[in-house]
Amino acid sequence: MPKILILAVAASVLSGAPHMLHGQAADHYRGAVVNSSLPSSPASLELAVFDRSDTLTVGLLTVGAPLGGSGLAVGFLRGGDSLLLVSMSRSGDTILWTSPSRSGSIGGSYAVRGGQYAGQSGQWQMQPMPAPSRLPLIGAAIATSVAITLAMLGIARAAKERWWRWRASTPLRPLPAQQRSSLTGVGGWLAWFVLGVIATVLYKIATLAGAVDNLGTGAWMIAAVIPGIRPVLFVESVFHFLQIVASLVGLTLLFRSARAAPVYWVVLLITFTAYGVYDLASGSVAVTLISQQFGGAIGKEVGQAISEASALNARLVIFSIVWSIYWIRSRRVRLSFGEVAQSPALQTAL
């Protein structure tokens, strides 16, 4: 969701400007703004830059009470070292924020050029905030994914015998020895499941940089002005790591014919289902929050982009539910991990 959300918001901003604010390095600024007609009532001012390249810098500008004007902001170079910020509020107010410097602290005068408050002006000042350290966030995401994996493994080991007693309560139809042998091991639908998991692990490893980028930079800066986004980003990063770590553990159990493997995979797939539902809901909440703070048009753009991520999550939910049922009901699973694994010669430590 985060990358798509960024692109959707950026697409809503003025495009084609010849000189953007590519020289300003900070991602988060905080300060105050004073309206000329209300000199004794300064308001808070905050800028979170969430998308930056050589041709485009986009941020979310938040203006506190008693003033208003929060909205998307685009940075332009102006002259030598000065800059011009252009922001538009959800009510349609276009505000020009000028600063004689774009290095370190920024600030100067502002003027409302369009909208119901056109003609108003004042002064503003913002300081660059220290960039959040990414290493603790990345470490926490990895540690959380490992902890979840160990918890699921513990559940599987503790519940495996009860699981097999439950499965044994439904007797299997007698099968010829040759057919019975062909229904053990990685084959049939189980082979397709294994191939799918391996492909997912390889894809998650290839896209690991994107999960890391969501912590501390880029999409993470949206949370500076839209509460509730950072927990979503953290959970998404955790599950990115989890789909690597937990899946590799599950494959190890599978290829060892461990009796705990079916319980582990069912628990893991249920966990993925819960995550898919959570991410679907969080996408809807993100659209609502952005629409409330920055206008319905932007919310519509974001909503259209998030629909693509929602489709991926919907497929994840369907995939997890279908394969959970397979692991519970499959005759191959029962023969490969239950009855065959009961033989002392074939039992594993798990």
Protein backbone atom coordinates (compact mmCIF):
# COMPACT_ATOMS: atom_id res chain seq x y z
CA MET A 1 0.00 0.00 0.00
CA PRO A 2 2.61 2.72 0.91
CA LYS A 3 4.39 3.02 -2.47
CA ILE A 4 1.08 3.14 -4.32
CA LEU A 5 -0.24 5.70 -1.86
CA ILE A 6 2.79 7.94 -2.41
CA LEU A 7 2.49 7.77 -6.18
CA ALA A 8 -1.21 8.53 -6.04
CA VAL A 9 -0.75 11.59 -3.85
CA ALA A 10 2.17 12.83 -5.94
CA ALA A 11 0.08 12.47 -9.09
CA SER A 12 -2.45 14.88 -7.57
CA VAL A 13 0.14 17.67 -7.33
CA LEU A 14 1.14 20.23 -9.99
CA SER A 15 3.44 18.51 -12.48
CA GLY A 16 5.90 19.66 -15.09
CA ALA A 17 7.57 22.34 -12.96
CA PRO A 18 11.09 23.01 -14.32
CA HIS A 19 13.01 23.40 -11.04
CA MET A 20 12.03 21.49 -7.94
CA LEU A 21 13.45 21.48 -4.44
CA HIS A 22 16.02 18.76 -4.98
CA GLY A 23 18.65 20.45 -2.83
CA GLN A 24 16.74 20.35 0.46
CA ALA A 25 17.78 17.23 2.33
CA ALA A 26 15.57 17.09 5.44
CA ASP A 27 12.34 15.10 5.40
CA HIS A 28 10.59 16.65 8.38
CA TYR A 29 10.23 20.28 9.47
CA ARG A 30 8.41 21.80 12.42
CA GLY A 31 7.81 25.39 13.42
CA ALA A 32 5.19 28.13 13.64
CA VAL A 33 3.24 30.52 11.46
CA VAL A 34 1.77 33.92 12.41
CA ASN A 35 -1.04 35.59 10.49
CA SER A 36 -0.59 39.37 10.18
CA SER A 37 -4.13 39.94 11.42
CA LEU A 38 -3.58 37.66 14.45
CA PRO A 39 -0.06 38.54 15.65
CA SER A 40 -0.69 37.23 19.19
CA SER A 41 -1.97 33.82 18.06
CA PRO A 42 0.80 31.82 16.38
CA ALA A 43 -0.12 28.41 14.98
CA SER A 44 1.95 25.28 14.63
CA LEU A 45 3.39 24.48 11.21
CA GLU A 46 4.69 21.10 10.08
CA LEU A 47 6.02 19.80 6.77
CA ALA A 48 6.57 16.11 6.06
CA VAL A 49 8.38 15.38 2.80
CA PHE A 50 7.45 11.91 1.60
CA ASP A 51 8.51 11.79 -2.04
CA ARG A 52 11.72 13.24 -3.43
CA SER A 53 13.64 12.91 -6.68
CA ASP A 54 15.65 15.08 -9.04
CA THR A 55 12.45 16.37 -10.60
CA LEU A 56 9.83 16.28 -7.83
CA THR A 57 9.56 16.93 -4.11
CA VAL A 58 6.17 16.50 -2.51
CA GLY A 59 5.15 16.94 1.12
CA LEU A 60 2.17 17.36 3.38
CA LEU A 61 1.91 20.72 5.13
CA THR A 62 -0.10 20.90 8.34
CA VAL A 63 -1.23 24.23 9.77
CA GLY A 64 -2.53 24.14 13.34
CA ALA A 65 -5.34 26.09 15.01
CA PRO A 66 -6.40 28.87 15.03
CA LEU A 67 -5.26 29.04 11.40
CA GLY A 68 -5.98 26.64 8.55
CA GLY A 69 -4.66 25.71 5.15
CA SER A 70 -3.29 22.19 5.56
CA GLY A 71 -2.66 20.41 2.28
CA LEU A 72 -0.19 19.11 -0.23
CA ALA A 73 2.94 21.20 -0.80
CA VAL A 74 5.43 21.31 -3.68
CA GLY A 75 8.89 22.89 -3.36
CA PHE A 76 10.49 25.05 -6.07
CA LEU A 77 13.94 26.63 -6.28
CA ARG A 78 13.77 30.38 -6.50
CA GLY A 79 16.86 32.34 -7.40
CA GLY A 80 20.12 31.28 -5.77
CA ASP A 81 19.48 29.65 -2.42
CA SER A 82 15.87 30.69 -1.83
CA LEU A 83 12.80 28.51 -2.19
CA LEU A 84 9.12 28.73 -2.85
CA LEU A 85 6.59 26.32 -1.40
CA VAL A 86 3.19 26.11 -3.03
CA SER A 87 0.43 24.46 -0.99
CA MET A 88 -3.27 23.93 -1.58
CA SER A 89 -5.76 23.22 1.19
CA ARG A 90 -8.80 20.98 0.88
CA SER A 91 -10.99 24.10 0.79
CA GLY A 92 -9.09 25.38 -2.26
CA ASP A 93 -6.79 27.95 -0.64
CA THR A 94 -3.55 28.32 -2.62
CA ILE A 95 -0.73 29.57 -0.41
CA LEU A 96 2.75 30.70 -1.43
CA TRP A 97 5.45 30.25 1.22
CA THR A 98 8.75 31.99 0.45
CA SER A 99 12.08 31.57 2.19
CA PRO A 100 15.37 33.37 1.47
CA SER A 101 17.24 30.16 2.34
CA ARG A 102 16.66 26.49 1.83
CA SER A 103 19.65 25.29 3.85
CA GLY A 104 18.90 24.37 7.45
CA SER A 105 16.08 26.47 8.89
CA ILE A 106 13.53 27.72 6.39
CA GLY A 107 11.04 30.53 6.77
CA GLY A 108 9.98 33.97 5.66
CA SER A 109 6.65 35.34 4.49
CA TYR A 110 3.54 33.69 3.13
CA ALA A 111 0.56 34.93 1.15
CA VAL A 112 -2.79 33.36 0.35
CA ARG A 113 -3.21 33.83 -3.41
CA GLY A 114 -6.43 31.93 -4.01
CA GLY A 115 -9.51 30.68 -2.19
CA GLN A 116 -11.81 32.16 0.45
CA TYR A 117 -8.90 33.65 2.42
CA ALA A 118 -7.12 35.24 -0.56
CA GLY A 119 -5.19 38.34 0.44
CA GLN A 120 -4.16 37.19 3.91
CA SER A 121 -0.46 37.00 4.72
CA GLY A 122 2.04 36.55 7.53
CA GLN A 123 5.36 35.09 8.64
CA TRP A 124 6.51 31.52 9.11
CA GLN A 125 9.56 29.61 10.33
CA MET A 126 10.44 25.90 10.46
CA GLN A 127 13.39 23.92 11.75
CA PRO A 128 14.58 20.59 10.28
CA MET A 129 13.83 17.71 12.63
CA PRO A 130 16.40 14.94 13.21
CA ALA A 131 15.85 12.03 10.86
CA PRO A 132 14.54 8.92 12.65
CA SER A 133 17.05 6.11 12.94
CA ARG A 134 16.12 3.27 10.62
CA LEU A 135 18.22 0.56 12.25
CA PRO A 136 16.11 0.23 15.44
CA LEU A 137 12.93 0.10 13.33
CA ILE A 138 14.38 -2.52 10.99
CA GLY A 139 15.70 -4.51 13.95
CA ALA A 140 12.31 -4.35 15.68
CA ALA A 141 10.54 -5.54 12.51
CA ILE A 142 12.93 -8.48 12.11
CA ALA A 143 12.76 -9.37 15.81
CA THR A 144 8.95 -9.26 15.74
CA SER A 145 8.80 -11.55 12.70
CA VAL A 146 11.20 -14.01 14.36
CA ALA A 147 9.17 -13.90 17.61
CA ILE A 148 5.94 -14.62 15.72
CA THR A 149 7.64 -17.51 13.91
CA LEU A 150 8.92 -19.01 17.17
CA ALA A 151 5.48 -18.62 18.76
CA MET A 152 3.81 -20.45 15.85
CA LEU A 153 6.46 -23.17 15.99
CA GLY A 154 5.85 -23.56 19.72
CA ILE A 155 2.10 -23.84 19.16
CA ALA A 156 2.65 -26.45 16.44
CA ARG A 157 4.94 -28.57 18.60
CA ALA A 158 2.59 -28.38 21.59
CA ALA A 159 -0.55 -29.18 19.59
CA LYS A 160 0.73 -31.77 17.10
CA GLU A 161 -0.30 -34.92 19.01
CA ARG A 162 -3.74 -33.57 19.80
CA TRP A 163 -4.03 -32.57 16.14
CA TRP A 164 -3.25 -36.10 14.93
CA ARG A 165 -5.59 -37.70 17.45
CA TRP A 166 -8.33 -35.49 16.03
CA ARG A 167 -7.42 -36.37 12.45
CA ALA A 168 -7.26 -40.10 13.32
CA SER A 169 -10.87 -39.93 14.57
CA THR A 170 -11.87 -39.92 10.88
CA PRO A 171 -10.60 -43.20 9.41
CA LEU A 172 -8.98 -43.22 5.99
CA ARG A 173 -10.45 -45.31 3.20
CA PRO A 174 -8.27 -48.42 2.69
CA LEU A 175 -5.88 -47.99 -0.24
CA PRO A 176 -3.70 -50.44 -2.19
CA ALA A 177 -0.08 -50.31 -1.10
CA GLN A 178 1.10 -48.84 -4.42
CA GLN A 179 -1.51 -46.06 -4.39
CA ARG A 180 -0.82 -45.38 -0.74
CA SER A 181 2.89 -45.01 -1.51
CA SER A 182 2.18 -42.59 -4.36
CA LEU A 183 0.20 -40.36 -1.99
CA THR A 184 3.12 -39.72 0.34
CA GLY A 185 5.82 -37.10 0.04
CA VAL A 186 5.86 -33.85 -1.92
CA GLY A 187 3.67 -34.42 -4.93
CA GLY A 188 0.30 -33.52 -6.37
CA TRP A 189 -1.22 -30.33 -4.97
CA LEU A 190 1.38 -30.26 -2.20
CA ALA A 191 4.10 -29.81 -4.84
CA TRP A 192 2.23 -26.81 -6.26
CA PHE A 193 1.97 -25.38 -2.76
CA VAL A 194 5.72 -25.78 -2.23
CA LEU A 195 6.50 -24.11 -5.56
CA GLY A 196 4.20 -21.22 -4.69
CA VAL A 197 5.84 -20.73 -1.29
CA ILE A 198 9.34 -20.83 -2.79
CA ALA A 199 8.33 -18.28 -5.43
CA THR A 200 6.88 -16.03 -2.72
CA VAL A 201 10.04 -16.24 -0.62
CA LEU A 202 12.23 -15.38 -3.61
CA TYR A 203 9.96 -12.45 -4.50
CA LYS A 204 10.00 -11.13 -0.92
CA ILE A 205 13.79 -11.35 -0.83
CA ALA A 206 14.02 -9.50 -4.16
CA THR A 207 11.73 -6.72 -2.87
CA LEU A 208 13.29 -6.52 0.60
CA ALA A 209 14.66 -3.03 -0.10
CA GLY A 210 11.12 -1.70 -0.45
CA ALA A 211 10.12 -3.05 2.96
CA VAL A 212 13.21 -1.46 4.52
CA ASP A 213 12.52 1.87 2.78
CA ASN A 214 9.08 2.00 4.40
CA LEU A 215 10.79 2.43 7.79
CA GLY A 216 12.28 5.82 8.57
CA THR A 217 12.03 7.46 5.15
CA GLY A 218 9.62 7.91 2.28
CA ALA A 219 6.18 6.66 3.24
CA TRP A 220 7.17 6.78 6.92
CA MET A 221 7.09 10.58 6.75
CA ILE A 222 3.37 10.58 5.94
CA ALA A 223 2.82 9.71 9.60
CA ALA A 224 4.20 13.09 10.63
CA VAL A 225 0.91 14.67 9.56
CA ILE A 226 -1.50 11.72 9.26
CA PRO A 227 -1.82 9.75 12.52
CA GLY A 228 -2.16 6.00 12.26
CA ILE A 229 -0.03 5.41 9.17
CA ARG A 230 3.19 4.38 10.91
CA PRO A 231 1.71 1.33 12.68
CA VAL A 232 0.43 0.13 9.30
CA LEU A 233 3.85 0.57 7.71
CA PHE A 234 5.52 -1.27 10.59
CA VAL A 235 3.07 -4.18 10.39
CA GLU A 236 3.58 -4.41 6.63
CA SER A 237 7.35 -4.56 7.10
CA VAL A 238 7.00 -7.21 9.82
CA PHE A 239 4.91 -9.39 7.53
CA HIS A 240 7.34 -8.88 4.66
CA PHE A 241 10.08 -10.38 6.85
CA LEU A 242 7.64 -12.97 8.21
CA GLN A 243 6.84 -14.28 4.75
CA ILE A 244 10.53 -15.03 4.39
CA VAL A 245 11.45 -16.32 7.86
CA ALA A 246 8.27 -18.23 8.70
CA SER A 247 7.97 -19.73 5.23
CA LEU A 248 11.56 -21.04 5.34
CA VAL A 249 10.87 -22.65 8.73
CA GLY A 250 7.68 -24.15 7.32
CA LEU A 251 9.51 -25.57 4.31
CA THR A 252 12.10 -27.11 6.64
CA LEU A 253 9.35 -28.85 8.62
CA LEU A 254 7.71 -29.96 5.39
CA PHE A 255 10.80 -31.55 3.87
CA ARG A 256 11.61 -33.26 7.16
CA SER A 257 8.09 -34.76 7.23
CA ALA A 258 7.72 -33.34 10.74
CA ARG A 259 4.46 -34.19 12.48
CA ALA A 260 4.20 -30.55 13.51
CA ALA A 261 4.24 -29.32 9.89
CA PRO A 262 0.45 -29.34 9.21
CA VAL A 263 -0.35 -27.51 12.44
CA TYR A 264 2.40 -24.97 11.75
CA TRP A 265 1.23 -24.25 8.21
CA VAL A 266 -2.41 -23.93 9.25
CA VAL A 267 -1.47 -21.45 11.99
CA LEU A 268 0.80 -19.53 9.59
CA LEU A 269 -1.84 -19.35 6.86
CA ILE A 270 -4.47 -18.17 9.35
CA THR A 271 -1.99 -15.48 10.43
CA PHE A 272 -1.55 -14.40 6.80
CA THR A 273 -5.34 -14.28 6.42
CA ALA A 274 -5.63 -12.00 9.44
CA TYR A 275 -2.89 -9.76 8.05
CA GLY A 276 -4.57 -9.54 4.64
CA VAL A 277 -7.86 -8.49 6.27
CA TYR A 278 -6.02 -5.96 8.45
CA ASP A 279 -4.22 -4.41 5.48
CA LEU A 280 -7.44 -4.23 3.47
CA ALA A 281 -9.09 -2.37 6.35
CA SER A 282 -6.09 -0.08 6.87
CA GLY A 283 -6.18 0.93 3.20
CA SER A 284 -9.79 2.04 3.59
CA VAL A 285 -8.92 3.96 6.76
CA ALA A 286 -6.00 5.68 4.99
CA VAL A 287 -8.32 6.92 2.25
CA THR A 288 -10.72 8.29 4.87
CA LEU A 289 -7.98 10.06 6.84
CA ILE A 290 -6.46 11.65 3.72
CA SER A 291 -9.88 12.71 2.44
CA GLN A 292 -10.72 14.32 5.78
CA GLN A 293 -7.45 16.21 6.01
CA PHE A 294 -6.62 17.01 2.41
CA GLY A 295 -9.84 16.78 0.45
CA GLY A 296 -11.97 14.25 -1.36
CA ALA A 297 -10.21 14.62 -4.73
CA ILE A 298 -6.91 13.42 -3.26
CA GLY A 299 -8.73 10.71 -1.35
CA LYS A 300 -10.24 9.53 -4.62
CA GLU A 301 -6.81 9.38 -6.27
CA VAL A 302 -5.43 7.42 -3.33
CA GLY A 303 -8.47 5.15 -3.28
CA GLN A 304 -8.01 4.23 -6.93
CA ALA A 305 -4.35 3.41 -6.36
CA ILE A 306 -4.99 1.44 -3.17
CA SER A 307 -7.48 -0.74 -5.05
CA GLU A 308 -4.48 -2.44 -6.70
CA ALA A 309 -2.93 -3.22 -3.32
CA SER A 310 -6.34 -4.36 -2.07
CA ALA A 311 -6.55 -6.84 -4.95
CA LEU A 312 -3.19 -8.32 -3.87
CA ASN A 313 -4.39 -8.59 -0.27
CA ALA A 314 -7.65 -10.19 -1.39
CA ARG A 315 -5.66 -12.81 -3.29
CA LEU A 316 -3.51 -13.39 -0.20
CA VAL A 317 -6.63 -13.98 1.91
CA ILE A 318 -8.12 -16.39 -0.64
CA PHE A 319 -4.79 -18.21 -1.07
CA SER A 320 -4.39 -18.62 2.70
CA ILE A 321 -7.94 -19.86 3.28
CA VAL A 322 -7.83 -22.37 0.41
CA TRP A 323 -4.48 -23.81 1.41
CA SER A 324 -5.45 -23.93 5.10
CA ILE A 325 -8.36 -26.18 4.13
CA TYR A 326 -5.97 -28.27 2.05
CA TRP A 327 -3.57 -28.79 4.98
CA ILE A 328 -6.50 -29.80 7.20
CA ARG A 329 -8.31 -32.15 4.82
CA SER A 330 -5.64 -33.48 2.44
CA ARG A 331 -5.12 -37.25 2.38
CA ARG A 332 -1.55 -36.73 1.17
CA VAL A 333 -0.81 -34.49 4.16
CA ARG A 334 -2.23 -37.10 6.52
CA LEU A 335 -0.26 -39.95 5.00
CA SER A 336 2.99 -37.95 4.69
CA PHE A 337 3.06 -36.25 8.09
CA GLY A 338 0.76 -38.37 10.23
CA GLU A 339 0.67 -42.09 9.66
CA VAL A 340 4.01 -42.41 7.88
CA ALA A 341 5.71 -40.05 10.34
CA GLN A 342 4.48 -42.23 13.23
CA SER A 343 7.00 -44.88 12.25
CA PRO A 344 9.96 -44.70 14.68
CA ALA A 345 12.35 -44.95 11.76
CA LEU A 346 10.88 -41.87 10.12
CA GLN A 347 10.12 -39.68 13.12
CA THR A 348 11.96 -36.37 13.39
CA ALA A 349 12.85 -34.32 16.42
CA LEU A 350 9.78 -32.25 15.81
